Amino acid sequence: MILGLYNYWVVVVLMMIGLYIVIAHGNLIKKIIGLTIFQTAVFIFYISIAKVNGASAPILAEGISRYSNPLPHVLILTAIVVGIATVALGLALAVRINEAYGSVEEESVQNTDNQEC
């Protein structure tokens, strides 16, 4: 039973890795990578729960009575595109922060910002 649900174990492991990276590291690039790993885990989870055993693609054919809903997969494709755009924006902001503060370390940026006030 537990071994049959390996995709859910993969989701949990990826979520914990992503969450750990976001919490434990002060580097902004590493935080973006952690968020991307966490986001990938959410995508895998959503696709896993959308799978229908014994179902076919929604193409009308004789002898097929169960069809799989394609909407969750289309939503995940849209989420992947939005996720890529978000990562690109985050990396662009990290580049600008590096240009302005000379570092992408969170603590260094905060110290520099506090000294300017």
PDB file of N, CA and C in Angstrom:
ATOM      1  N   MET A   1       0.830  -1.201   0.000  1.00  0.00           N
ATOM      2  CA  MET A   1       0.000   0.000   0.000  1.00  0.00           C
ATOM      3  C   MET A   1       0.867   1.254   0.000  1.00  0.00           C
ATOM      4  N   ILE A   2       1.828   1.323   0.917  1.00  0.00           N
ATOM      5  CA  ILE A   2       2.665   2.514   1.019  1.00  0.00           C
ATOM      6  C   ILE A   2       3.596   2.631  -0.180  1.00  0.00           C
ATOM      7  N   LEU A   3       4.136   1.511  -0.661  1.00  0.00           N
ATOM      8  CA  LEU A   3       5.034   1.559  -1.810  1.00  0.00           C
ATOM      9  C   LEU A   3       4.297   1.924  -3.089  1.00  0.00           C
ATOM     10  N   GLY A   4       3.005   1.661  -3.152  1.00  0.00           N
ATOM     11  CA  GLY A   4       2.219   2.007  -4.322  1.00  0.00           C
ATOM     12  C   GLY A   4       1.968   3.494  -4.447  1.00  0.00           C
ATOM     13  N   LEU A   5       2.198   4.233  -3.398  1.00  0.00           N
ATOM     14  CA  LEU A   5       1.971   5.674  -3.404  1.00  0.00           C
ATOM     15  C   LEU A   5       3.296   6.438  -3.443  1.00  0.00           C
ATOM     16  N   TYR A   6       4.258   5.923  -4.211  1.00  0.00           N
ATOM     17  CA  TYR A   6       5.593   6.527  -4.224  1.00  0.00           C
ATOM     18  C   TYR A   6       5.580   7.945  -4.761  1.00  0.00           C
ATOM     19  N   ASN A   7       4.633   8.268  -5.657  1.00  0.00           N
ATOM     20  CA  ASN A   7       4.612   9.641  -6.183  1.00  0.00           C
ATOM     21  C   ASN A   7       4.277  10.651  -5.088  1.00  0.00           C
ATOM     22  N   TYR A   8       3.468  10.256  -4.111  1.00  0.00           N
ATOM     23  CA  TYR A   8       3.175  11.160  -3.004  1.00  0.00           C
ATOM     24  C   TYR A   8       4.390  11.327  -2.089  1.00  0.00           C
ATOM     25  N   TRP A   9       5.183  10.268  -1.936  1.00  0.00           N
ATOM     26  CA  TRP A   9       6.414  10.369  -1.159  1.00  0.00           C
ATOM     27  C   TRP A   9       7.399  11.305  -1.851  1.00  0.00           C
ATOM     28  N   VAL A  10       7.459  11.223  -3.169  1.00  0.00           N
ATOM     29  CA  VAL A  10       8.320  12.135  -3.931  1.00  0.00           C
ATOM     30  C   VAL A  10       7.875  13.575  -3.717  1.00  0.00           C
ATOM     31  N   VAL A  11       6.562  13.793  -3.721  1.00  0.00           N
ATOM     32  CA  VAL A  11       6.021  15.143  -3.508  1.00  0.00           C
ATOM     33  C   VAL A  11       6.412  15.656  -2.127  1.00  0.00           C
ATOM     34  N   VAL A  12       6.256  14.843  -1.114  1.00  0.00           N
ATOM     35  CA  VAL A  12       6.593  15.263   0.254  1.00  0.00           C
ATOM     36  C   VAL A  12       8.081  15.568   0.375  1.00  0.00           C
ATOM     37  N   VAL A  13       8.927  14.714  -0.202  1.00  0.00           N
ATOM     38  CA  VAL A  13      10.376  14.931  -0.131  1.00  0.00           C
ATOM     39  C   VAL A  13      10.755  16.224  -0.854  1.00  0.00           C
ATOM     40  N   LEU A  14      10.210  16.439  -2.053  1.00  0.00           N
ATOM     41  CA  LEU A  14      10.515  17.667  -2.789  1.00  0.00           C
ATOM     42  C   LEU A  14      10.025  18.907  -2.051  1.00  0.00           C
ATOM     43  N   MET A  15       8.854  18.824  -1.447  1.00  0.00           N
ATOM     44  CA  MET A  15       8.342  19.968  -0.683  1.00  0.00           C
ATOM     45  C   MET A  15       9.235  20.284   0.506  1.00  0.00           C
ATOM     46  N   MET A  16       9.669  19.263   1.209  1.00  0.00           N
ATOM     47  CA  MET A  16      10.532  19.496   2.363  1.00  0.00           C
ATOM     48  C   MET A  16      11.901  20.032   1.938  1.00  0.00           C
ATOM     49  N   ILE A  17      12.442  19.546   0.829  1.00  0.00           N
ATOM     50  CA  ILE A  17      13.719  20.063   0.331  1.00  0.00           C
ATOM     51  C   ILE A  17      13.576  21.533  -0.044  1.00  0.00           C
ATOM     52  N   GLY A  18      12.515  21.853  -0.779  1.00  0.00           N
ATOM     53  CA  GLY A  18      12.289  23.241  -1.171  1.00  0.00           C
ATOM     54  C   GLY A  18      12.085  24.152   0.021  1.00  0.00           C
ATOM     55  N   LEU A  19      11.301  23.712   0.990  1.00  0.00           N
ATOM     56  CA  LEU A  19      11.060  24.510   2.184  1.00  0.00           C
ATOM     57  C   LEU A  19      12.341  24.703   2.990  1.00  0.00           C
ATOM     58  N   TYR A  20      13.140  23.649   3.108  1.00  0.00           N
ATOM     59  CA  TYR A  20      14.409  23.755   3.829  1.00  0.00           C
ATOM     60  C   TYR A  20      15.336  24.764   3.159  1.00  0.00           C
ATOM     61  N   ILE A  21      15.427  24.716   1.842  1.00  0.00           N
ATOM     62  CA  ILE A  21      16.300  25.645   1.124  1.00  0.00           C
ATOM     63  C   ILE A  21      15.855  27.082   1.347  1.00  0.00           C
ATOM     64  N   VAL A  22      14.557  27.331   1.314  1.00  0.00           N
ATOM     65  CA  VAL A  22      14.048  28.694   1.504  1.00  0.00           C
ATOM     66  C   VAL A  22      14.334  29.186   2.927  1.00  0.00           C
ATOM     67  N   ILE A  23      14.181  28.326   3.906  1.00  0.00           N
ATOM     68  CA  ILE A  23      14.351  28.744   5.303  1.00  0.00           C
ATOM     69  C   ILE A  23      15.824  28.811   5.701  1.00  0.00           C
ATOM     70  N   ALA A  24      16.634  27.857   5.279  1.00  0.00           N
ATOM     71  CA  ALA A  24      17.989  27.721   5.802  1.00  0.00           C
ATOM     72  C   ALA A  24      19.023  28.616   5.123  1.00  0.00           C
ATOM     73  N   HIS A  25      18.780  29.015   3.896  1.00  0.00           N
ATOM     74  CA  HIS A  25      19.796  29.755   3.161  1.00  0.00           C
ATOM     75  C   HIS A  25      19.436  31.232   3.067  1.00  0.00           C
ATOM     76  N   GLY A  26      20.461  32.078   3.129  1.00  0.00           N
ATOM     77  CA  GLY A  26      20.258  33.513   3.028  1.00  0.00           C
ATOM     78  C   GLY A  26      20.511  34.056   1.635  1.00  0.00           C
ATOM     79  N   ASN A  27      21.035  33.231   0.750  1.00  0.00           N
ATOM     80  CA  ASN A  27      21.306  33.641  -0.606  1.00  0.00           C
ATOM     81  C   ASN A  27      19.994  33.720  -1.384  1.00  0.00           C
ATOM     82  N   LEU A  28      19.748  34.847  -2.045  1.00  0.00           N
ATOM     83  CA  LEU A  28      18.482  35.045  -2.749  1.00  0.00           C
ATOM     84  C   LEU A  28      18.314  34.087  -3.927  1.00  0.00           C
ATOM     85  N   ILE A  29      19.404  33.753  -4.606  1.00  0.00           N
ATOM     86  CA  ILE A  29      19.331  32.806  -5.723  1.00  0.00           C
ATOM     87  C   ILE A  29      18.933  31.423  -5.211  1.00  0.00           C
ATOM     88  N   LYS A  30      19.502  31.014  -4.093  1.00  0.00           N
ATOM     89  CA  LYS A  30      19.152  29.714  -3.510  1.00  0.00           C
ATOM     90  C   LYS A  30      17.697  29.699  -3.062  1.00  0.00           C
ATOM     91  N   LYS A  31      17.204  30.830  -2.548  1.00  0.00           N
ATOM     92  CA  LYS A  31      15.792  30.907  -2.157  1.00  0.00           C
ATOM     93  C   LYS A  31      14.881  30.747  -3.371  1.00  0.00           C
ATOM     94  N   ILE A  32      15.251  31.335  -4.496  1.00  0.00           N
ATOM     95  CA  ILE A  32      14.455  31.197  -5.721  1.00  0.00           C
ATOM     96  C   ILE A  32      14.465  29.748  -6.187  1.00  0.00           C
ATOM     97  N   ILE A  33      15.617  29.094  -6.104  1.00  0.00           N
ATOM     98  CA  ILE A  33      15.705  27.680  -6.478  1.00  0.00           C
ATOM     99  C   ILE A  33      14.839  26.833  -5.549  1.00  0.00           C
ATOM    100  N   GLY A  34      14.856  27.126  -4.245  1.00  0.00           N
ATOM    101  CA  GLY A  34      14.010  26.396  -3.297  1.00  0.00           C
ATOM    102  C   GLY A  34      12.534  26.566  -3.595  1.00  0.00           C
ATOM    103  N   LEU A  35      12.133  27.780  -3.938  1.00  0.00           N
ATOM    104  CA  LEU A  35      10.730  28.017  -4.299  1.00  0.00           C
ATOM    105  C   LEU A  35      10.351  27.268  -5.572  1.00  0.00           C
ATOM    106  N   THR A  36      11.279  27.170  -6.508  1.00  0.00           N
ATOM    107  CA  THR A  36      11.018  26.434  -7.745  1.00  0.00           C
ATOM    108  C   THR A  36      10.867  24.944  -7.472  1.00  0.00           C
ATOM    109  N   ILE A  37      11.686  24.406  -6.588  1.00  0.00           N
ATOM    110  CA  ILE A  37      11.558  22.987  -6.217  1.00  0.00           C
ATOM    111  C   ILE A  37      10.216  22.746  -5.522  1.00  0.00           C
ATOM    112  N   PHE A  38       9.834  23.637  -4.627  1.00  0.00           N
ATOM    113  CA  PHE A  38       8.547  23.509  -3.943  1.00  0.00           C
ATOM    114  C   PHE A  38       7.398  23.583  -4.949  1.00  0.00           C
ATOM    115  N   GLN A  39       7.512  24.481  -5.907  1.00  0.00           N
ATOM    116  CA  GLN A  39       6.482  24.639  -6.930  1.00  0.00           C
ATOM    117  C   GLN A  39       6.373  23.376  -7.788  1.00  0.00           C
ATOM    118  N   THR A  40       7.501  22.772  -8.110  1.00  0.00           N
ATOM    119  CA  THR A  40       7.496  21.530  -8.878  1.00  0.00           C
ATOM    120  C   THR A  40       6.793  20.415  -8.107  1.00  0.00           C
ATOM    121  N   ALA A  41       6.986  20.372  -6.806  1.00  0.00           N
ATOM    122  CA  ALA A  41       6.303  19.376  -5.980  1.00  0.00           C
ATOM    123  C   ALA A  41       4.794  19.571  -6.028  1.00  0.00           C
ATOM    124  N   VAL A  42       4.351  20.809  -6.010  1.00  0.00           N
ATOM    125  CA  VAL A  42       2.910  21.090  -6.099  1.00  0.00           C
ATOM    126  C   VAL A  42       2.370  20.639  -7.452  1.00  0.00           C
ATOM    127  N   PHE A  43       3.124  20.872  -8.520  1.00  0.00           N
ATOM    128  CA  PHE A  43       2.696  20.426  -9.848  1.00  0.00           C
ATOM    129  C   PHE A  43       2.549  18.905  -9.898  1.00  0.00           C
ATOM    130  N   ILE A  44       3.540  18.195  -9.371  1.00  0.00           N
ATOM    131  CA  ILE A  44       3.497  16.728  -9.369  1.00  0.00           C
ATOM    132  C   ILE A  44       2.312  16.238  -8.546  1.00  0.00           C
ATOM    133  N   PHE A  45       2.067  16.868  -7.405  1.00  0.00           N
ATOM    134  CA  PHE A  45       0.942  16.474  -6.566  1.00  0.00           C
ATOM    135  C   PHE A  45      -0.383  16.662  -7.292  1.00  0.00           C
ATOM    136  N   TYR A  46      -0.546  17.812  -7.936  1.00  0.00           N
ATOM    137  CA  TYR A  46      -1.804  18.108  -8.620  1.00  0.00           C
ATOM    138  C   TYR A  46      -2.037  17.145  -9.775  1.00  0.00           C
ATOM    139  N   ILE A  47      -0.994  16.822 -10.511  1.00  0.00           N
ATOM    140  CA  ILE A  47      -1.138  15.868 -11.614  1.00  0.00           C
ATOM    141  C   ILE A  47      -1.415  14.467 -11.075  1.00  0.00           C
ATOM    142  N   SER A  48      -0.812  14.114  -9.938  1.00  0.00           N
ATOM    143  CA  SER A  48      -1.023  12.784  -9.352  1.00  0.00           C
ATOM    144  C   SER A  48      -2.464  12.577  -8.913  1.00  0.00           C
ATOM    145  N   ILE A  49      -3.072  13.598  -8.318  1.00  0.00           N
ATOM    146  CA  ILE A  49      -4.447  13.414  -7.864  1.00  0.00           C
ATOM    147  C   ILE A  49      -5.443  13.513  -9.017  1.00  0.00           C
ATOM    148  N   ALA A  50      -5.004  14.044 -10.164  1.00  0.00           N
ATOM    149  CA  ALA A  50      -5.901  14.154 -11.321  1.00  0.00           C
ATOM    150  C   ALA A  50      -5.928  12.874 -12.146  1.00  0.00           C
ATOM    151  N   LYS A  51      -4.997  11.954 -11.894  1.00  0.00           N
ATOM    152  CA  LYS A  51      -4.932  10.710 -12.656  1.00  0.00           C
ATOM    153  C   LYS A  51      -6.110   9.816 -12.312  1.00  0.00           C
ATOM    154  N   VAL A  52      -6.754   9.286 -13.355  1.00  0.00           N
ATOM    155  CA  VAL A  52      -7.876   8.370 -13.183  1.00  0.00           C
ATOM    156  C   VAL A  52      -7.436   7.003 -13.694  1.00  0.00           C
ATOM    157  N   ASN A  53      -7.434   5.998 -12.814  1.00  0.00           N
ATOM    158  CA  ASN A  53      -7.028   4.651 -13.205  1.00  0.00           C
ATOM    159  C   ASN A  53      -8.037   4.034 -14.152  1.00  0.00           C
ATOM    160  N   GLY A  54      -7.534   3.462 -15.224  1.00  0.00           N
ATOM    161  CA  GLY A  54      -8.392   2.787 -16.184  1.00  0.00           C
ATOM    162  C   GLY A  54      -9.111   3.725 -17.136  1.00  0.00           C
ATOM    163  N   ALA A  55      -8.792   4.987 -17.095  1.00  0.00           N
ATOM    164  CA  ALA A  55      -9.458   5.945 -17.970  1.00  0.00           C
ATOM    165  C   ALA A  55      -8.598   6.231 -19.191  1.00  0.00           C
ATOM    166  N   SER A  56      -9.251   6.736 -20.194  1.00  0.00           N
ATOM    167  CA  SER A  56      -8.590   7.029 -21.455  1.00  0.00           C
ATOM    168  C   SER A  56      -8.660   8.521 -21.737  1.00  0.00           C
ATOM    169  N   ALA A  57      -7.919   8.955 -22.736  1.00  0.00           N
ATOM    170  CA  ALA A  57      -7.988  10.351 -23.157  1.00  0.00           C
ATOM    171  C   ALA A  57      -9.405  10.651 -23.645  1.00  0.00           C
ATOM    172  N   PRO A  58      -9.868  11.875 -23.515  1.00  0.00           N
ATOM    173  CA  PRO A  58     -11.258  12.187 -23.879  1.00  0.00           C
ATOM    174  C   PRO A  58     -11.474  12.245 -25.398  1.00  0.00           C
ATOM    175  N   ILE A  59     -11.263  11.092 -26.029  1.00  0.00           N
ATOM    176  CA  ILE A  59     -11.512  10.950 -27.461  1.00  0.00           C
ATOM    177  C   ILE A  59     -12.583   9.881 -27.606  1.00  0.00           C
ATOM    178  N   LEU A  60     -13.665  10.231 -28.268  1.00  0.00           N
ATOM    179  CA  LEU A  60     -14.766   9.291 -28.415  1.00  0.00           C
ATOM    180  C   LEU A  60     -14.345   8.098 -29.267  1.00  0.00           C
ATOM    181  N   ALA A  61     -14.498   6.923 -28.699  1.00  0.00           N
ATOM    182  CA  ALA A  61     -14.185   5.681 -29.401  1.00  0.00           C
ATOM    183  C   ALA A  61     -15.064   4.582 -28.828  1.00  0.00           C
ATOM    184  N   GLU A  62     -15.241   3.535 -29.597  1.00  0.00           N
ATOM    185  CA  GLU A  62     -16.076   2.434 -29.140  1.00  0.00           C
ATOM    186  C   GLU A  62     -15.363   1.626 -28.062  1.00  0.00           C
ATOM    187  N   GLY A  63     -16.118   1.183 -27.081  1.00  0.00           N
ATOM    188  CA  GLY A  63     -15.584   0.340 -26.026  1.00  0.00           C
ATOM    189  C   GLY A  63     -14.945   1.089 -24.869  1.00  0.00           C
ATOM    190  N   ILE A  64     -14.929   2.393 -24.918  1.00  0.00           N
ATOM    191  CA  ILE A  64     -14.343   3.173 -23.835  1.00  0.00           C
ATOM    192  C   ILE A  64     -15.466   3.857 -23.073  1.00  0.00           C
ATOM    193  N   SER A  65     -15.501   3.593 -21.752  1.00  0.00           N
ATOM    194  CA  SER A  65     -16.581   4.171 -20.943  1.00  0.00           C
ATOM    195  C   SER A  65     -16.069   5.191 -19.928  1.00  0.00           C
ATOM    196  N   ARG A  66     -14.787   5.116 -19.588  1.00  0.00           N
ATOM    197  CA  ARG A  66     -14.229   6.061 -18.618  1.00  0.00           C
ATOM    198  C   ARG A  66     -13.231   6.973 -19.305  1.00  0.00           C
ATOM    199  N   TYR A  67     -13.415   8.247 -19.071  1.00  0.00           N
ATOM    200  CA  TYR A  67     -12.537   9.237 -19.678  1.00  0.00           C
ATOM    201  C   TYR A  67     -11.848  10.042 -18.584  1.00  0.00           C
ATOM    202  N   SER A  68     -10.656  10.482 -18.891  1.00  0.00           N
ATOM    203  CA  SER A  68      -9.889  11.318 -17.978  1.00  0.00           C
ATOM    204  C   SER A  68     -10.146  12.784 -18.308  1.00  0.00           C
ATOM    205  N   ASN A  69     -10.261  13.608 -17.277  1.00  0.00           N
ATOM    206  CA  ASN A  69     -10.496  15.032 -17.468  1.00  0.00           C
ATOM    207  C   ASN A  69      -9.170  15.723 -17.804  1.00  0.00           C
ATOM    208  N   PRO A  70      -9.076  16.401 -18.949  1.00  0.00           N
ATOM    209  CA  PRO A  70      -7.807  17.044 -19.309  1.00  0.00           C
ATOM    210  C   PRO A  70      -7.591  18.402 -18.641  1.00  0.00           C
ATOM    211  N   LEU A  71      -8.587  18.939 -17.973  1.00  0.00           N
ATOM    212  CA  LEU A  71      -8.483  20.275 -17.394  1.00  0.00           C
ATOM    213  C   LEU A  71      -7.344  20.425 -16.379  1.00  0.00           C
ATOM    214  N   PRO A  72      -7.147  19.483 -15.445  1.00  0.00           N
ATOM    215  CA  PRO A  72      -6.029  19.648 -14.500  1.00  0.00           C
ATOM    216  C   PRO A  72      -4.668  19.730 -15.197  1.00  0.00           C
ATOM    217  N   HIS A  73      -4.493  18.966 -16.259  1.00  0.00           N
ATOM    218  CA  HIS A  73      -3.214  18.991 -16.965  1.00  0.00           C
ATOM    219  C   HIS A  73      -3.027  20.315 -17.695  1.00  0.00           C
ATOM    220  N   VAL A  74      -4.098  20.858 -18.240  1.00  0.00           N
ATOM    221  CA  VAL A  74      -4.029  22.160 -18.902  1.00  0.00           C
ATOM    222  C   VAL A  74      -3.729  23.248 -17.872  1.00  0.00           C
ATOM    223  N   LEU A  75      -4.325  23.161 -16.701  1.00  0.00           N
ATOM    224  CA  LEU A  75      -4.050  24.143 -15.652  1.00  0.00           C
ATOM    225  C   LEU A  75      -2.592  24.083 -15.201  1.00  0.00           C
ATOM    226  N   ILE A  76      -2.036  22.888 -15.136  1.00  0.00           N
ATOM    227  CA  ILE A  76      -0.642  22.753 -14.740  1.00  0.00           C
ATOM    228  C   ILE A  76       0.281  23.308 -15.816  1.00  0.00           C
ATOM    229  N   LEU A  77      -0.067  23.113 -17.088  1.00  0.00           N
ATOM    230  CA  LEU A  77       0.739  23.722 -18.152  1.00  0.00           C
ATOM    231  C   LEU A  77       0.741  25.239 -18.029  1.00  0.00           C
ATOM    232  N   THR A  78      -0.417  25.804 -17.727  1.00  0.00           N
ATOM    233  CA  THR A  78      -0.496  27.245 -17.525  1.00  0.00           C
ATOM    234  C   THR A  78       0.318  27.658 -16.301  1.00  0.00           C
ATOM    235  N   ALA A  79       0.239  26.890 -15.237  1.00  0.00           N
ATOM    236  CA  ALA A  79       0.999  27.200 -14.023  1.00  0.00           C
ATOM    237  C   ALA A  79       2.502  27.107 -14.265  1.00  0.00           C
ATOM    238  N   ILE A  80       2.931  26.184 -15.109  1.00  0.00           N
ATOM    239  CA  ILE A  80       4.354  26.071 -15.432  1.00  0.00           C
ATOM    240  C   ILE A  80       4.837  27.325 -16.151  1.00  0.00           C
ATOM    241  N   VAL A  81       4.045  27.807 -17.097  1.00  0.00           N
ATOM    242  CA  VAL A  81       4.417  29.025 -17.819  1.00  0.00           C
ATOM    243  C   VAL A  81       4.473  30.217 -16.863  1.00  0.00           C
ATOM    244  N   VAL A  82       3.494  30.338 -15.988  1.00  0.00           N
ATOM    245  CA  VAL A  82       3.494  31.429 -15.008  1.00  0.00           C
ATOM    246  C   VAL A  82       4.674  31.272 -14.049  1.00  0.00           C
ATOM    247  N   GLY A  83       4.980  30.043 -13.659  1.00  0.00           N
ATOM    248  CA  GLY A  83       6.114  29.787 -12.773  1.00  0.00           C
ATOM    249  C   GLY A  83       7.440  30.179 -13.411  1.00  0.00           C
ATOM    250  N   ILE A  84       7.613  29.892 -14.691  1.00  0.00           N
ATOM    251  CA  ILE A  84       8.840  30.270 -15.387  1.00  0.00           C
ATOM    252  C   ILE A  84       8.966  31.788 -15.435  1.00  0.00           C
ATOM    253  N   ALA A  85       7.864  32.461 -15.710  1.00  0.00           N
ATOM    254  CA  ALA A  85       7.893  33.933 -15.742  1.00  0.00           C
ATOM    255  C   ALA A  85       8.215  34.500 -14.360  1.00  0.00           C
ATOM    256  N   THR A  86       7.670  33.895 -13.321  1.00  0.00           N
ATOM    257  CA  THR A  86       7.930  34.353 -11.959  1.00  0.00           C
ATOM    258  C   THR A  86       9.393  34.144 -11.574  1.00  0.00           C
ATOM    259  N   VAL A  87       9.954  33.002 -11.948  1.00  0.00           N
ATOM    260  CA  VAL A  87      11.369  32.736 -11.665  1.00  0.00           C
ATOM    261  C   VAL A  87      12.248  33.725 -12.422  1.00  0.00           C
ATOM    262  N   ALA A  88      11.896  33.998 -13.671  1.00  0.00           N
ATOM    263  CA  ALA A  88      12.672  34.971 -14.452  1.00  0.00           C
ATOM    264  C   ALA A  88      12.625  36.351 -13.800  1.00  0.00           C
ATOM    265  N   LEU A  89      11.453  36.754 -13.314  1.00  0.00           N
ATOM    266  CA  LEU A  89      11.330  38.035 -12.628  1.00  0.00           C
ATOM    267  C   LEU A  89      12.145  38.048 -11.337  1.00  0.00           C
ATOM    268  N   GLY A  90      12.082  36.964 -10.577  1.00  0.00           N
ATOM    269  CA  GLY A  90      12.858  36.871  -9.340  1.00  0.00           C
ATOM    270  C   GLY A  90      14.355  36.937  -9.597  1.00  0.00           C
ATOM    271  N   LEU A  91      14.823  36.267 -10.645  1.00  0.00           N
ATOM    272  CA  LEU A  91      16.243  36.317 -10.978  1.00  0.00           C
ATOM    273  C   LEU A  91      16.648  37.711 -11.455  1.00  0.00           C
ATOM    274  N   ALA A  92      15.761  38.369 -12.204  1.00  0.00           N
ATOM    275  CA  ALA A  92      16.052  39.739 -12.637  1.00  0.00           C
ATOM    276  C   ALA A  92      16.140  40.670 -11.431  1.00  0.00           C
ATOM    277  N   LEU A  93      15.261  40.495 -10.469  1.00  0.00           N
ATOM    278  CA  LEU A  93      15.327  41.296  -9.240  1.00  0.00           C
ATOM    279  C   LEU A  93      16.601  40.998  -8.453  1.00  0.00           C
ATOM    280  N   ALA A  94      17.019  39.731  -8.441  1.00  0.00           N
ATOM    281  CA  ALA A  94      18.260  39.375  -7.743  1.00  0.00           C
ATOM    282  C   ALA A  94      19.462  40.038  -8.416  1.00  0.00           C
ATOM    283  N   VAL A  95      19.440  40.116  -9.729  1.00  0.00           N
ATOM    284  CA  VAL A  95      20.529  40.797 -10.445  1.00  0.00           C
ATOM    285  C   VAL A  95      20.546  42.282 -10.090  1.00  0.00           C
ATOM    286  N   ARG A  96      19.381  42.902 -10.054  1.00  0.00           N
ATOM    287  CA  ARG A  96      19.307  44.325  -9.692  1.00  0.00           C
ATOM    288  C   ARG A  96      19.728  44.567  -8.243  1.00  0.00           C
ATOM    289  N   ILE A  97      19.360  43.666  -7.353  1.00  0.00           N
ATOM    290  CA  ILE A  97      19.787  43.781  -5.951  1.00  0.00           C
ATOM    291  C   ILE A  97      21.299  43.649  -5.864  1.00  0.00           C
ATOM    292  N   ASN A  98      21.860  42.725  -6.639  1.00  0.00           N
ATOM    293  CA  ASN A  98      23.314  42.558  -6.650  1.00  0.00           C
ATOM    294  C   ASN A  98      24.003  43.816  -7.178  1.00  0.00           C
ATOM    295  N   GLU A  99      23.422  44.447  -8.188  1.00  0.00           N
ATOM    296  CA  GLU A  99      24.007  45.683  -8.714  1.00  0.00           C
ATOM    297  C   GLU A  99      23.910  46.822  -7.694  1.00  0.00           C
ATOM    298  N   ALA A 100      22.795  46.886  -6.985  1.00  0.00           N
ATOM    299  CA  ALA A 100      22.585  47.992  -6.046  1.00  0.00           C
ATOM    300  C   ALA A 100      23.352  47.809  -4.739  1.00  0.00           C
ATOM    301  N   TYR A 101      23.419  46.584  -4.228  1.00  0.00           N
ATOM    302  CA  TYR A 101      24.012  46.341  -2.912  1.00  0.00           C
ATOM    303  C   TYR A 101      25.342  45.609  -2.960  1.00  0.00           C
ATOM    304  N   GLY A 102      25.697  45.048  -4.111  1.00  0.00           N
ATOM    305  CA  GLY A 102      26.955  44.329  -4.228  1.00  0.00           C
ATOM    306  C   GLY A 102      26.931  42.925  -3.673  1.00  0.00           C
ATOM    307  N   SER A 103      25.759  42.415  -3.341  1.00  0.00           N
ATOM    308  CA  SER A 103      25.639  41.071  -2.781  1.00  0.00           C
ATOM    309  C   SER A 103      24.208  40.573  -2.964  1.00  0.00           C
ATOM    310  N   VAL A 104      24.053  39.263  -2.991  1.00  0.00           N
ATOM    311  CA  VAL A 104      22.717  38.668  -3.003  1.00  0.00           C
ATOM    312  C   VAL A 104      22.429  37.933  -1.704  1.00  0.00           C
ATOM    313  N   GLU A 105      23.301  38.125  -0.718  1.00  0.00           N
ATOM    314  CA  GLU A 105      23.060  37.545   0.607  1.00  0.00           C
ATOM    315  C   GLU A 105      22.074  38.435   1.358  1.00  0.00           C
ATOM    316  N   GLU A 106      21.038  37.810   1.894  1.00  0.00           N
ATOM    317  CA  GLU A 106      19.956  38.541   2.548  1.00  0.00           C
ATOM    318  C   GLU A 106      20.457  39.397   3.718  1.00  0.00           C
ATOM    319  N   GLU A 107      21.321  38.842   4.538  1.00  0.00           N
ATOM    320  CA  GLU A 107      21.822  39.559   5.717  1.00  0.00           C
ATOM    321  C   GLU A 107      22.665  40.770   5.320  1.00  0.00           C
ATOM    322  N   SER A 108      23.490  40.604   4.299  1.00  0.00           N
ATOM    323  CA  SER A 108      24.323  41.706   3.829  1.00  0.00           C
ATOM    324  C   SER A 108      23.481  42.843   3.255  1.00  0.00           C
ATOM    325  N   VAL A 109      22.448  42.495   2.517  1.00  0.00           N
ATOM    326  CA  VAL A 109      21.546  43.509   1.950  1.00  0.00           C
ATOM    327  C   VAL A 109      20.816  44.251   3.065  1.00  0.00           C
ATOM    328  N   GLN A 110      20.342  43.531   4.077  1.00  0.00           N
ATOM    329  CA  GLN A 110      19.648  44.166   5.200  1.00  0.00           C
ATOM    330  C   GLN A 110      20.589  45.069   5.989  1.00  0.00           C
ATOM    331  N   ASN A 111      21.825  44.627   6.217  1.00  0.00           N
ATOM    332  CA  ASN A 111      22.791  45.466   6.961  1.00  0.00           C
ATOM    333  C   ASN A 111      23.113  46.735   6.187  1.00  0.00           C
ATOM    334  N   THR A 112      23.313  46.617   4.886  1.00  0.00           N
ATOM    335  CA  THR A 112      23.600  47.779   4.063  1.00  0.00           C
ATOM    336  C   THR A 112      22.419  48.738   4.053  1.00  0.00           C
ATOM    337  N   ASP A 113      21.225  48.190   3.964  1.00  0.00           N
ATOM    338  CA  ASP A 113      20.015  49.017   3.955  1.00  0.00           C
ATOM    339  C   ASP A 113      19.812  49.710   5.289  1.00  0.00           C
ATOM    340  N   ASN A 114      20.105  49.033   6.402  1.00  0.00           N
ATOM    341  CA  ASN A 114      19.943  49.639   7.732  1.00  0.00           C
ATOM    342  C   ASN A 114      20.992  50.730   7.981  1.00  0.00           C
ATOM    343  N   GLN A 115      22.180  50.589   7.429  1.00  0.00           N
ATOM    344  CA  GLN A 115      23.213  51.607   7.604  1.00  0.00           C
ATOM    345  C   GLN A 115      22.900  52.888   6.841  1.00  0.00           C
ATOM    346  N   GLU A 116      22.159  52.770   5.755  1.00  0.00           N
ATOM    347  CA  GLU A 116      21.818  53.935   4.952  1.00  0.00           C
ATOM    348  C   GLU A 116      20.727  54.780   5.600  1.00  0.00           C
ATOM    349  N   CYS A 117      19.942  54.185   6.472  1.00  0.00           N
ATOM    350  CA  CYS A 117      18.818  54.918   7.095  1.00  0.00           C
ATOM    351  C   CYS A 117      19.244  55.904   8.132  1.00  0.00           C
TER     352      CYS A 117
END
